[in-house]
N, C-alpha and C. Protein backbone atom coordinates (compact mmCIF):
# COMPACT_ATOMS: atom_id res chain seq x y z
N MET A 1 0.94 -1.10 0.02
CA MET A 1 -0.16 0.08 0.02
C MET A 1 1.00 1.34 0.18
N SER A 2 0.65 2.22 -0.85
CA SER A 2 1.40 3.36 -0.97
C SER A 2 0.57 4.63 -0.29
N THR A 3 1.62 5.09 0.35
CA THR A 3 1.12 6.23 1.31
C THR A 3 1.54 7.65 0.31
N ALA A 4 0.54 8.31 -0.31
CA ALA A 4 0.68 9.65 -0.85
C ALA A 4 1.09 10.58 0.14
N LYS A 5 2.41 11.11 -0.49
CA LYS A 5 2.68 12.25 0.35
C LYS A 5 1.62 13.56 0.23
N LYS A 6 1.57 14.17 1.34
CA LYS A 6 1.06 15.33 1.57
C LYS A 6 1.64 16.52 0.94
N PRO A 7 1.12 17.42 0.24
CA PRO A 7 1.78 18.65 -0.20
C PRO A 7 1.99 19.38 1.17
N ASN A 8 3.24 19.77 1.24
CA ASN A 8 3.74 20.81 2.41
C ASN A 8 3.49 22.28 2.12
N PRO A 9 2.33 22.99 2.87
CA PRO A 9 2.05 24.30 2.65
C PRO A 9 3.12 25.19 2.76
N ALA A 10 4.05 24.86 3.55
CA ALA A 10 5.28 25.93 3.82
C ALA A 10 5.89 26.10 2.55
N ARG A 11 6.25 24.57 2.10
CA ARG A 11 7.22 24.92 0.83
C ARG A 11 6.42 25.28 -0.47
N ARG A 12 5.19 25.12 -0.22
CA ARG A 12 4.45 25.75 -1.74
C ARG A 12 4.61 27.15 -1.38
N SER A 13 4.18 27.72 0.08
CA SER A 13 3.98 29.11 0.32
C SER A 13 5.39 29.94 -0.17
N GLU A 14 6.59 29.21 0.32
CA GLU A 14 7.70 29.63 -0.03
C GLU A 14 8.31 29.59 -1.85
N ARG A 15 7.68 28.79 -2.66
CA ARG A 15 7.81 28.73 -3.91
C ARG A 15 7.12 29.73 -4.53
N SER A 16 5.61 30.25 -3.68
CA SER A 16 4.84 31.44 -4.56
C SER A 16 5.50 32.72 -3.93
N ARG A 17 6.01 32.47 -2.95
CA ARG A 17 6.73 34.06 -2.50
C ARG A 17 8.11 34.22 -3.70
N GLN A 18 8.88 33.09 -3.77
CA GLN A 18 9.84 33.46 -4.61
C GLN A 18 9.68 33.61 -6.01
N ALA A 19 8.59 32.94 -6.64
CA ALA A 19 7.81 33.21 -7.69
C ALA A 19 7.30 34.81 -7.99
N ILE A 20 6.81 35.16 -6.97
CA ILE A 20 6.61 36.83 -6.88
C ILE A 20 7.79 37.60 -7.06
N LEU A 21 8.50 37.20 -6.12
CA LEU A 21 9.91 38.44 -6.24
C LEU A 21 10.64 38.27 -7.46
N ASP A 22 10.57 37.10 -8.22
CA ASP A 22 11.28 36.66 -9.42
C ASP A 22 10.48 37.78 -10.52
N ALA A 23 9.00 37.35 -10.36
CA ALA A 23 8.29 38.32 -11.26
C ALA A 23 8.41 39.85 -11.17
N ALA A 24 8.35 40.13 -10.16
CA ALA A 24 8.68 41.74 -9.71
C ALA A 24 9.85 42.17 -10.38
N ARG A 25 10.82 41.32 -10.04
CA ARG A 25 12.12 41.85 -10.63
C ARG A 25 12.50 41.93 -11.99
N GLU A 26 11.91 41.08 -12.76
CA GLU A 26 11.67 40.32 -14.37
C GLU A 26 10.87 41.60 -14.69
N LEU A 27 9.76 41.80 -14.12
CA LEU A 27 8.94 42.90 -14.70
C LEU A 27 9.65 44.50 -14.80
N VAL A 28 9.87 44.59 -13.62
CA VAL A 28 10.67 46.06 -13.58
C VAL A 28 12.06 46.13 -14.76
N SER A 29 12.58 45.30 -14.72
CA SER A 29 13.73 45.10 -15.83
C SER A 29 13.46 45.09 -17.21
N GLU A 30 12.09 44.63 -17.30
CA GLU A 30 11.67 44.59 -18.80
C GLU A 30 10.98 45.74 -19.42
N VAL A 31 9.99 46.21 -18.27
CA VAL A 31 9.21 47.42 -18.69
C VAL A 31 9.25 48.46 -18.01
N GLY A 32 10.11 48.63 -16.83
CA GLY A 32 10.10 49.74 -16.27
C GLY A 32 9.04 49.60 -14.84
N TYR A 33 9.53 50.43 -13.63
CA TYR A 33 8.72 50.49 -12.61
C TYR A 33 7.03 51.07 -13.16
N ALA A 34 7.03 51.90 -13.78
CA ALA A 34 5.88 52.94 -13.48
C ALA A 34 4.86 51.79 -14.41
N LYS A 35 5.18 51.14 -15.31
CA LYS A 35 4.14 49.93 -16.01
C LYS A 35 3.83 48.61 -15.24
N VAL A 36 4.61 48.31 -14.36
CA VAL A 36 4.61 47.42 -13.23
C VAL A 36 3.26 47.57 -12.58
N SER A 37 2.54 46.50 -12.42
CA SER A 37 1.12 46.39 -11.44
C SER A 37 1.10 45.11 -10.70
N ILE A 38 0.42 45.16 -9.56
CA ILE A 38 0.37 44.19 -8.78
C ILE A 38 -0.33 42.98 -9.71
N GLU A 39 -1.47 43.17 -10.58
CA GLU A 39 -1.74 42.16 -11.51
C GLU A 39 -1.08 41.63 -12.33
N ALA A 40 0.35 42.51 -12.74
CA ALA A 40 0.84 41.86 -13.91
C ALA A 40 2.05 40.77 -13.06
N ILE A 41 2.30 41.30 -11.61
CA ILE A 41 3.19 40.25 -10.89
C ILE A 41 2.48 39.25 -10.70
N ALA A 42 1.48 39.35 -10.25
CA ALA A 42 0.84 37.86 -10.09
C ALA A 42 0.42 37.09 -11.11
N ALA A 43 0.19 37.76 -12.17
CA ALA A 43 -0.08 36.86 -13.59
C ALA A 43 1.32 36.04 -13.81
N ARG A 44 2.30 36.63 -13.83
CA ARG A 44 3.64 36.13 -14.31
C ARG A 44 3.96 35.42 -13.08
N ALA A 45 3.71 35.38 -11.96
CA ALA A 45 4.22 34.53 -10.66
C ALA A 45 3.29 33.39 -10.86
N GLY A 46 2.04 33.37 -11.32
CA GLY A 46 1.15 32.20 -11.50
C GLY A 46 0.38 32.29 -9.97
N VAL A 47 0.10 33.39 -9.28
CA VAL A 47 -0.61 33.42 -8.20
C VAL A 47 -1.92 34.61 -8.38
N GLY A 48 -2.89 34.34 -7.46
CA GLY A 48 -3.96 35.30 -7.35
C GLY A 48 -3.41 36.44 -6.62
N LYS A 49 -4.01 37.77 -6.93
CA LYS A 49 -3.57 39.00 -6.32
C LYS A 49 -3.58 39.01 -4.81
N GLN A 50 -4.52 38.42 -4.25
CA GLN A 50 -4.67 38.15 -2.84
C GLN A 50 -3.40 37.46 -1.95
N THR A 51 -2.83 36.81 -2.72
CA THR A 51 -1.58 36.12 -2.26
C THR A 51 -0.41 37.16 -2.02
N ILE A 52 -0.31 38.16 -3.04
CA ILE A 52 0.63 39.24 -2.78
C ILE A 52 0.17 40.00 -1.83
N TYR A 53 -1.03 40.35 -1.78
CA TYR A 53 -1.37 41.51 -0.58
C TYR A 53 -1.37 40.80 0.91
N ARG A 54 -1.26 39.25 0.93
CA ARG A 54 -1.32 38.80 1.99
C ARG A 54 0.26 38.97 2.75
N TRP A 55 1.20 39.15 1.61
CA TRP A 55 2.64 39.56 2.36
C TRP A 55 3.19 40.81 2.10
N TRP A 56 2.60 41.55 1.07
CA TRP A 56 3.06 43.18 1.16
C TRP A 56 1.79 43.96 0.81
N ARG A 57 1.98 45.16 1.38
CA ARG A 57 0.89 46.05 1.15
C ARG A 57 0.99 47.12 -0.10
N SER A 58 2.16 46.84 -0.68
CA SER A 58 2.11 47.89 -2.01
C SER A 58 3.07 47.17 -3.22
N LYS A 59 3.14 47.50 -4.35
CA LYS A 59 4.08 47.44 -5.17
C LYS A 59 5.26 47.67 -4.84
N GLY A 60 5.47 49.06 -4.44
CA GLY A 60 6.91 49.31 -3.89
C GLY A 60 7.66 48.27 -2.80
N ALA A 61 6.46 47.76 -1.80
CA ALA A 61 6.89 46.92 -1.00
C ALA A 61 7.50 45.78 -1.81
N VAL A 62 6.79 45.34 -2.59
CA VAL A 62 7.13 43.78 -3.34
C VAL A 62 8.66 43.94 -3.98
N VAL A 63 8.88 45.42 -4.74
CA VAL A 63 9.91 45.51 -5.26
C VAL A 63 11.07 45.80 -4.37
N PHE A 64 10.77 46.52 -3.46
CA PHE A 64 11.76 46.09 -2.31
C PHE A 64 12.24 44.84 -1.72
N ASP A 65 11.33 44.04 -1.62
CA ASP A 65 11.62 42.72 -1.27
C ASP A 65 12.47 42.28 -2.49
N SER A 66 11.91 42.13 -3.52
CA SER A 66 12.96 41.65 -4.64
C SER A 66 14.12 41.95 -4.62
N PHE A 67 14.28 43.43 -4.60
CA PHE A 67 15.95 43.80 -4.74
C PHE A 67 16.62 43.24 -3.34
N LEU A 68 15.90 43.28 -2.23
CA LEU A 68 16.66 42.87 -0.91
C LEU A 68 17.27 41.01 -1.26
N ALA A 69 15.90 40.28 -1.73
CA ALA A 69 16.49 38.98 -1.99
C ALA A 69 17.35 39.01 -3.03
N LEU A 70 17.59 39.85 -3.96
CA LEU A 70 18.64 39.93 -4.95
C LEU A 70 20.26 40.03 -4.41
N SER A 71 20.05 40.87 -3.24
CA SER A 71 21.23 41.55 -2.66
C SER A 71 21.57 40.65 -1.68
N GLU A 72 20.81 39.62 -1.03
CA GLU A 72 21.11 38.58 0.17
C GLU A 72 22.37 38.14 0.04
N GLY A 73 22.94 37.86 -1.40
CA GLY A 73 24.50 37.39 -1.28
C GLY A 73 25.57 38.19 -0.74
N ALA A 74 25.17 39.45 -0.97
CA ALA A 74 26.25 40.53 -0.84
C ALA A 74 25.84 41.15 0.64
N HIS A 75 24.81 41.36 0.85
CA HIS A 75 24.30 42.07 2.00
C HIS A 75 23.44 41.65 2.92
N GLY A 76 23.69 40.12 3.05
CA GLY A 76 22.77 39.29 3.80
C GLY A 76 23.08 39.63 5.41
N GLU A 77 22.73 39.04 6.35
CA GLU A 77 23.06 39.29 7.93
C GLU A 77 24.28 38.75 8.07
N GLY A 78 25.00 39.12 8.78
CA GLY A 78 26.37 38.73 9.18
C GLY A 78 27.27 38.96 8.17
N MET A 79 26.99 39.87 7.31
CA MET A 79 27.82 40.35 6.31
C MET A 79 29.08 41.27 7.02
N ALA A 80 30.12 41.11 6.36
CA ALA A 80 31.56 41.59 6.77
C ALA A 80 32.40 42.08 5.75
N LEU A 81 33.16 43.03 5.92
CA LEU A 81 33.93 43.44 4.76
C LEU A 81 35.37 42.68 4.97
N PRO A 82 35.91 42.30 3.77
CA PRO A 82 37.45 41.79 4.25
C PRO A 82 38.15 42.71 4.84
N ASP A 83 38.89 41.84 5.76
CA ASP A 83 40.07 42.40 6.50
C ASP A 83 41.56 41.77 6.37
N THR A 84 41.80 42.27 5.49
CA THR A 84 43.48 41.68 5.40
C THR A 84 44.48 42.43 5.94
N GLY A 85 44.17 43.64 7.01
CA GLY A 85 44.82 44.49 7.48
C GLY A 85 45.38 45.82 6.60
N ASP A 86 44.87 45.80 5.28
CA ASP A 86 45.26 46.80 4.44
C ASP A 86 43.99 47.51 3.95
N ILE A 87 43.83 48.70 5.03
CA ILE A 87 42.43 49.05 4.57
C ILE A 87 42.32 49.97 3.08
N GLU A 88 43.07 50.05 2.63
CA GLU A 88 42.96 50.60 1.09
C GLU A 88 42.64 49.62 0.28
N ALA A 89 43.53 48.40 0.13
CA ALA A 89 43.12 47.40 -0.48
C ALA A 89 41.76 46.65 -0.18
N ASP A 90 41.22 46.62 1.00
CA ASP A 90 39.80 45.95 1.14
C ASP A 90 38.80 47.02 0.62
N LEU A 91 39.19 48.01 0.64
CA LEU A 91 38.02 49.20 0.32
C LEU A 91 37.94 49.22 -1.25
N LYS A 92 39.05 49.17 -1.66
CA LYS A 92 39.04 48.80 -3.30
C LYS A 92 38.55 47.49 -3.83
N VAL A 93 38.46 46.46 -3.06
CA VAL A 93 37.65 45.09 -3.42
C VAL A 93 36.26 45.50 -3.47
N VAL A 94 35.86 46.17 -2.03
CA VAL A 94 34.22 46.29 -1.83
C VAL A 94 33.79 47.45 -2.82
N MET A 95 34.64 48.57 -3.38
CA MET A 95 33.96 49.71 -4.09
C MET A 95 34.11 48.93 -5.21
N ARG A 96 34.96 48.24 -5.90
CA ARG A 96 34.89 47.82 -7.30
C ARG A 96 33.83 46.73 -7.20
N ALA A 97 33.41 45.89 -6.30
CA ALA A 97 32.23 45.09 -6.31
C ALA A 97 30.79 45.81 -6.42
N THR A 98 30.97 47.10 -5.59
CA THR A 98 29.73 47.95 -5.62
C THR A 98 29.47 48.73 -6.97
N VAL A 99 30.52 49.35 -7.49
CA VAL A 99 30.56 49.63 -8.88
C VAL A 99 30.06 48.40 -10.20
N ALA A 100 30.49 47.42 -9.66
CA ALA A 100 30.12 46.15 -10.70
C ALA A 100 28.30 45.89 -10.48
N GLU A 101 28.14 45.86 -9.04
CA GLU A 101 26.82 45.49 -9.11
C GLU A 101 25.83 46.80 -9.51
N PHE A 102 26.23 48.12 -9.44
CA PHE A 102 25.59 49.15 -9.94
C PHE A 102 25.54 49.24 -11.53
N ALA A 103 26.26 48.69 -12.01
CA ALA A 103 26.40 48.55 -13.64
C ALA A 103 25.97 47.26 -14.26
N ASP A 104 25.02 46.30 -13.28
CA ASP A 104 24.37 45.30 -13.67
C ASP A 104 23.18 45.35 -14.05
N PRO A 105 22.67 45.12 -15.36
CA PRO A 105 21.11 45.62 -15.48
C PRO A 105 20.45 45.03 -14.57
N ASP A 106 20.49 43.65 -14.26
CA ASP A 106 19.48 42.99 -13.43
C ASP A 106 19.41 43.60 -11.90
N PHE A 107 20.54 44.07 -11.48
CA PHE A 107 20.57 44.80 -10.26
C PHE A 107 20.14 46.37 -10.27
N GLU A 108 20.45 46.88 -11.32
CA GLU A 108 20.22 48.50 -11.64
C GLU A 108 18.80 48.68 -11.51
N ALA A 109 18.06 48.06 -12.66
CA ALA A 109 16.67 48.36 -13.02
C ALA A 109 15.69 48.20 -11.14
N PRO A 110 15.87 47.34 -10.40
CA PRO A 110 15.02 47.18 -9.40
C PRO A 110 15.55 48.05 -8.45
N ILE A 111 16.98 48.51 -8.24
CA ILE A 111 17.52 49.51 -7.24
C ILE A 111 17.05 51.03 -7.63
N ARG A 112 16.79 51.03 -9.03
CA ARG A 112 16.39 52.55 -9.66
C ARG A 112 15.04 52.76 -9.17
N ALA A 113 14.22 51.80 -9.19
CA ALA A 113 12.85 51.62 -8.92
C ALA A 113 12.45 51.95 -7.87
N LEU A 114 13.39 51.11 -6.78
CA LEU A 114 13.34 51.21 -5.37
C LEU A 114 13.60 52.77 -4.88
N ASN A 115 14.75 53.27 -5.58
CA ASN A 115 14.93 54.35 -5.19
C ASN A 115 13.83 55.54 -5.55
N THR A 116 13.10 55.33 -6.50
CA THR A 116 11.90 56.23 -7.02
C THR A 116 10.94 56.03 -5.90
N GLU A 117 10.89 55.17 -5.48
CA GLU A 117 9.68 54.70 -4.58
C GLU A 117 9.96 55.35 -3.09
N ILE A 118 11.23 55.10 -2.67
CA ILE A 118 11.69 55.69 -1.30
C ILE A 118 11.71 57.25 -0.98
N ILE A 119 11.65 57.99 -2.44
CA ILE A 119 11.47 59.20 -2.29
C ILE A 119 10.08 59.42 -2.13
N ASN A 120 9.02 59.02 -2.38
CA ASN A 120 7.73 59.30 -2.36
C ASN A 120 7.14 58.56 -1.30
N ASP A 121 7.96 57.63 -0.27
CA ASP A 121 7.25 56.58 0.62
C ASP A 121 8.07 56.43 1.75
N PRO A 122 7.59 57.27 2.63
CA PRO A 122 8.30 57.19 3.80
C PRO A 122 8.41 56.10 4.61
N ASP A 123 7.23 55.32 4.49
CA ASP A 123 7.23 54.23 5.28
C ASP A 123 8.39 52.93 4.47
N LEU A 124 8.41 52.95 3.24
CA LEU A 124 9.12 52.11 2.66
C LEU A 124 10.59 52.66 2.88
N ALA A 125 10.95 54.22 3.04
CA ALA A 125 11.96 54.49 3.27
C ALA A 125 12.81 53.77 4.84
N ALA A 126 11.70 53.95 5.69
CA ALA A 126 12.30 53.22 6.93
C ALA A 126 12.47 51.73 6.93
N GLN A 127 11.70 51.09 6.03
CA GLN A 127 12.15 49.59 5.97
C GLN A 127 13.26 49.44 5.20
N TYR A 128 13.62 50.34 4.31
CA TYR A 128 14.89 50.25 3.58
C TYR A 128 16.06 50.57 4.69
N ARG A 129 15.92 51.55 5.43
CA ARG A 129 16.96 51.75 6.17
C ARG A 129 17.15 50.80 7.40
N GLU A 130 15.98 50.11 7.82
CA GLU A 130 16.06 49.19 8.79
C GLU A 130 16.60 47.76 8.38
N LYS A 131 16.29 47.43 7.20
CA LYS A 131 16.29 45.85 6.65
C LYS A 131 17.60 45.97 5.96
N LEU A 132 18.30 47.30 5.27
CA LEU A 132 19.32 46.89 4.38
C LEU A 132 20.35 48.03 4.74
N ALA A 133 19.92 49.57 4.54
CA ALA A 133 21.31 50.33 4.46
C ALA A 133 22.02 50.24 5.73
N ASP A 134 21.31 50.47 7.24
CA ASP A 134 21.40 50.51 8.52
C ASP A 134 22.52 49.22 8.78
N PRO A 135 22.28 47.90 8.38
CA PRO A 135 22.98 46.85 8.73
C PRO A 135 24.28 47.01 7.79
N VAL A 136 24.10 47.24 6.52
CA VAL A 136 25.28 47.28 5.82
C VAL A 136 26.06 48.33 6.09
N ASP A 137 25.61 49.57 6.44
CA ASP A 137 26.67 50.78 7.06
C ASP A 137 27.06 50.36 8.25
N GLU A 138 26.90 49.43 9.36
CA GLU A 138 27.20 49.02 10.20
C GLU A 138 28.32 48.08 10.01
N ALA A 139 28.27 47.21 9.33
CA ALA A 139 29.28 46.38 8.84
C ALA A 139 30.69 46.93 8.37
N LYS A 140 30.17 48.10 7.36
CA LYS A 140 31.07 48.92 6.85
C LYS A 140 31.96 49.42 8.28
N LYS A 141 31.49 50.13 9.20
CA LYS A 141 31.95 50.89 10.32
C LYS A 141 32.80 49.62 10.92
N VAL A 142 32.59 48.54 11.18
CA VAL A 142 33.52 47.67 11.76
C VAL A 142 34.82 47.53 11.32
N ARG A 143 34.62 47.65 9.86
CA ARG A 143 35.80 47.59 9.40
C ARG A 143 36.59 48.69 9.43
N LEU A 144 36.17 49.96 9.32
CA LEU A 144 36.67 51.47 9.38
C LEU A 144 37.28 51.31 10.87
N ARG A 145 36.33 50.84 11.77
CA ARG A 145 37.08 50.78 13.11
C ARG A 145 38.05 50.11 13.21
N SER A 146 38.47 48.90 12.68
CA SER A 146 39.80 48.14 12.78
C SER A 146 40.65 48.82 12.16
N ALA A 147 40.34 49.71 11.02
CA ALA A 147 41.30 50.48 10.15
C ALA A 147 41.81 51.70 11.33
N GLN A 148 41.02 52.19 12.01
CA GLN A 148 41.48 53.35 13.11
C GLN A 148 42.15 52.53 14.10
N ARG A 149 41.94 51.62 14.59
CA ARG A 149 42.87 50.47 15.50
C ARG A 149 44.20 50.48 15.19
N ALA A 150 44.18 50.15 13.81
CA ALA A 150 45.55 50.00 13.25
C ALA A 150 46.29 51.42 12.64
N GLY A 151 45.87 52.65 12.99
CA GLY A 151 46.34 53.50 12.72
C GLY A 151 46.50 53.99 11.25
N GLN A 152 45.35 53.66 10.45
CA GLN A 152 45.35 53.78 9.03
C GLN A 152 44.29 54.85 8.52
N ILE A 153 43.49 55.13 9.66
CA ILE A 153 42.37 56.29 9.73
C ILE A 153 42.37 56.99 10.91
N ALA A 154 42.23 58.17 11.08
CA ALA A 154 42.37 58.78 11.92
C ALA A 154 41.56 58.62 13.08
N ALA A 155 42.17 58.47 14.33
CA ALA A 155 41.15 57.91 15.58
C ALA A 155 39.73 58.78 15.63
N ASP A 156 39.93 60.10 15.40
CA ASP A 156 38.65 61.14 15.66
C ASP A 156 37.69 61.07 14.30
N ALA A 157 38.32 60.63 13.33
CA ALA A 157 37.41 60.49 12.04
C ALA A 157 35.98 60.12 12.29
N ASP A 158 35.03 60.63 11.71
CA ASP A 158 33.48 60.68 11.64
C ASP A 158 33.37 59.70 10.68
N LEU A 159 32.94 58.27 11.30
CA LEU A 159 32.85 57.03 10.44
C LEU A 159 31.59 57.35 9.45
N ASP A 160 30.30 58.25 9.78
CA ASP A 160 29.58 58.31 8.83
C ASP A 160 30.01 59.29 7.78
N LEU A 161 30.60 60.31 7.95
CA LEU A 161 31.22 61.10 7.00
C LEU A 161 31.91 60.34 6.01
N VAL A 162 33.12 59.53 6.72
CA VAL A 162 33.74 58.62 5.84
C VAL A 162 32.82 57.91 4.57
N LEU A 163 32.00 57.30 5.26
CA LEU A 163 30.86 56.57 4.29
C LEU A 163 30.32 57.58 3.09
N GLU A 164 30.11 58.74 3.77
CA GLU A 164 29.04 59.27 3.00
C GLU A 164 30.33 59.67 1.55
N LEU A 165 31.69 60.39 2.20
CA LEU A 165 32.22 60.85 1.15
C LEU A 165 32.93 59.51 0.23
N LEU A 166 33.21 58.12 0.59
CA LEU A 166 33.29 57.18 -0.39
C LEU A 166 32.01 56.81 -1.39
N TYR A 167 30.83 56.85 -0.77
CA TYR A 167 29.31 56.56 -1.56
C TYR A 167 28.87 57.47 -2.17
N ALA A 168 28.58 58.52 -1.77
CA ALA A 168 27.88 59.64 -2.25
C ALA A 168 28.35 60.07 -3.85
N PRO A 169 29.40 60.26 -4.09
CA PRO A 169 29.98 60.51 -5.44
C PRO A 169 29.39 59.21 -6.36
N LEU A 170 29.76 57.94 -5.99
CA LEU A 170 29.19 57.03 -6.57
C LEU A 170 27.63 57.01 -6.96
N TYR A 171 26.91 57.20 -5.93
CA TYR A 171 25.30 57.03 -6.05
C TYR A 171 24.96 58.43 -7.01
N GLN A 172 25.73 59.45 -6.81
CA GLN A 172 25.16 60.67 -7.76
C GLN A 172 25.64 60.40 -9.06
N ARG A 173 26.57 59.86 -9.52
CA ARG A 173 27.02 59.30 -10.79
C ARG A 173 26.31 58.55 -11.42
N TRP A 174 25.75 57.44 -10.43
CA TRP A 174 24.92 56.31 -11.03
C TRP A 174 23.38 57.02 -11.27
N LEU A 175 23.00 58.04 -10.13
CA LEU A 175 21.67 58.44 -10.39
C LEU A 175 21.39 59.34 -11.18
N HIS A 176 22.36 60.06 -11.76
CA HIS A 176 22.33 61.05 -12.98
C HIS A 176 22.83 60.39 -14.21
N ARG A 177 23.31 58.89 -14.15
CA ARG A 177 24.02 58.50 -15.33
C ARG A 177 25.02 59.73 -15.90
N SER A 178 25.84 60.17 -15.21
CA SER A 178 26.57 61.22 -15.26
C SER A 178 27.99 60.94 -15.93
N GLY A 179 28.31 59.41 -15.82
CA GLY A 179 29.41 58.93 -15.93
C GLY A 179 29.60 57.81 -15.87
N PRO A 180 30.96 56.80 -16.19
CA PRO A 180 30.86 55.56 -16.49
C PRO A 180 31.56 55.12 -14.99
N LEU A 181 30.84 53.88 -14.68
CA LEU A 181 31.16 53.47 -13.16
C LEU A 181 32.21 52.22 -13.55
N THR A 182 33.43 52.51 -13.29
CA THR A 182 34.42 51.61 -13.48
C THR A 182 35.02 51.48 -12.48
N SER A 183 35.91 50.35 -12.51
CA SER A 183 37.13 50.08 -11.20
C SER A 183 37.75 51.13 -10.93
N GLU A 184 38.58 52.02 -12.22
CA GLU A 184 39.11 53.00 -11.87
C GLU A 184 38.42 54.15 -10.87
N TYR A 185 37.31 54.46 -11.31
CA TYR A 185 36.25 55.26 -10.59
C TYR A 185 36.57 54.92 -9.34
N ALA A 186 36.33 53.66 -8.92
CA ALA A 186 36.01 53.02 -7.63
C ALA A 186 37.42 53.17 -7.00
N ASP A 187 38.54 53.01 -7.56
CA ASP A 187 39.86 53.24 -6.68
C ASP A 187 39.91 54.62 -6.22
N ALA A 188 39.61 55.44 -7.35
CA ALA A 188 39.82 57.11 -7.38
C ALA A 188 39.17 57.51 -5.95
N LEU A 189 37.73 56.96 -5.56
CA LEU A 189 36.91 57.36 -4.75
C LEU A 189 37.68 56.75 -3.42
N VAL A 190 38.24 55.56 -3.34
CA VAL A 190 38.65 55.28 -1.98
C VAL A 190 40.34 56.05 -1.87
N ASP A 191 40.95 56.31 -2.89
CA ASP A 191 42.06 56.95 -2.82
C ASP A 191 41.90 58.33 -2.14
N LEU A 192 40.88 59.20 -2.68
CA LEU A 192 40.61 60.52 -2.13
C LEU A 192 40.04 60.25 -0.77
N THR A 193 39.20 59.22 -0.37
CA THR A 193 38.71 59.42 1.04
C THR A 193 39.56 59.31 2.07
N LEU A 194 40.75 58.02 1.80
CA LEU A 194 41.51 57.89 2.44
C LEU A 194 42.42 59.12 2.82
N LYS A 195 42.88 59.86 1.89
CA LYS A 195 43.64 60.68 1.74
C LYS A 195 43.06 61.95 2.78
N ALA A 196 41.82 62.02 2.72
CA ALA A 196 41.12 62.91 3.56
C ALA A 196 41.12 62.38 4.98
N PHE A 197 41.14 61.32 5.57
CA PHE A 197 41.16 60.82 6.63
C PHE A 197 42.38 59.91 7.28
N ARG A 198 43.49 59.95 6.50
CA ARG A 198 44.64 59.28 7.15
C ARG A 198 44.90 60.05 8.37
N PRO A 199 45.51 59.55 9.26
CA PRO A 199 46.11 60.03 10.49
C PRO A 199 47.03 61.27 10.16
């Protein structure tokens, strides 16, 4: 006598959730954020609209989670920057990876859509800071504090300002599409930032 396996609702639920995130990311890349709708995401994912609304309150929230899922490899919990003892080399590795990520069309379209939503949605902005930006910034500060202890960055350096000087020009160039995002550009940002904050 064979016993039929009962379907696992948790597994099915996770499959649906992943299908929704994949669909949201694909649609944003294909047609742009403005043309994406909850209906289109549901149709692409093969689920009902009510399934999406059970987990997310808005299109922006779905897109945010699709971006978060895409970023989990690089920005997941327990994220740590490399620490070889050479802050310049380590920051160049991280900044080159960041530049490559921002230049990747699969990553670029959802993050651009997410930025548009964050500007207009304070709740989503708070969620972004709590789930992604703050933990990533803290991981960066852990590495910068290590460099301070090693005497490679001034002991009194404002680490929030260090991060702003390092990342804001990259973000500005990406946001306005005002220049190429290259490894050379990433290296130049590291060199200039460290020049400003060396002991």
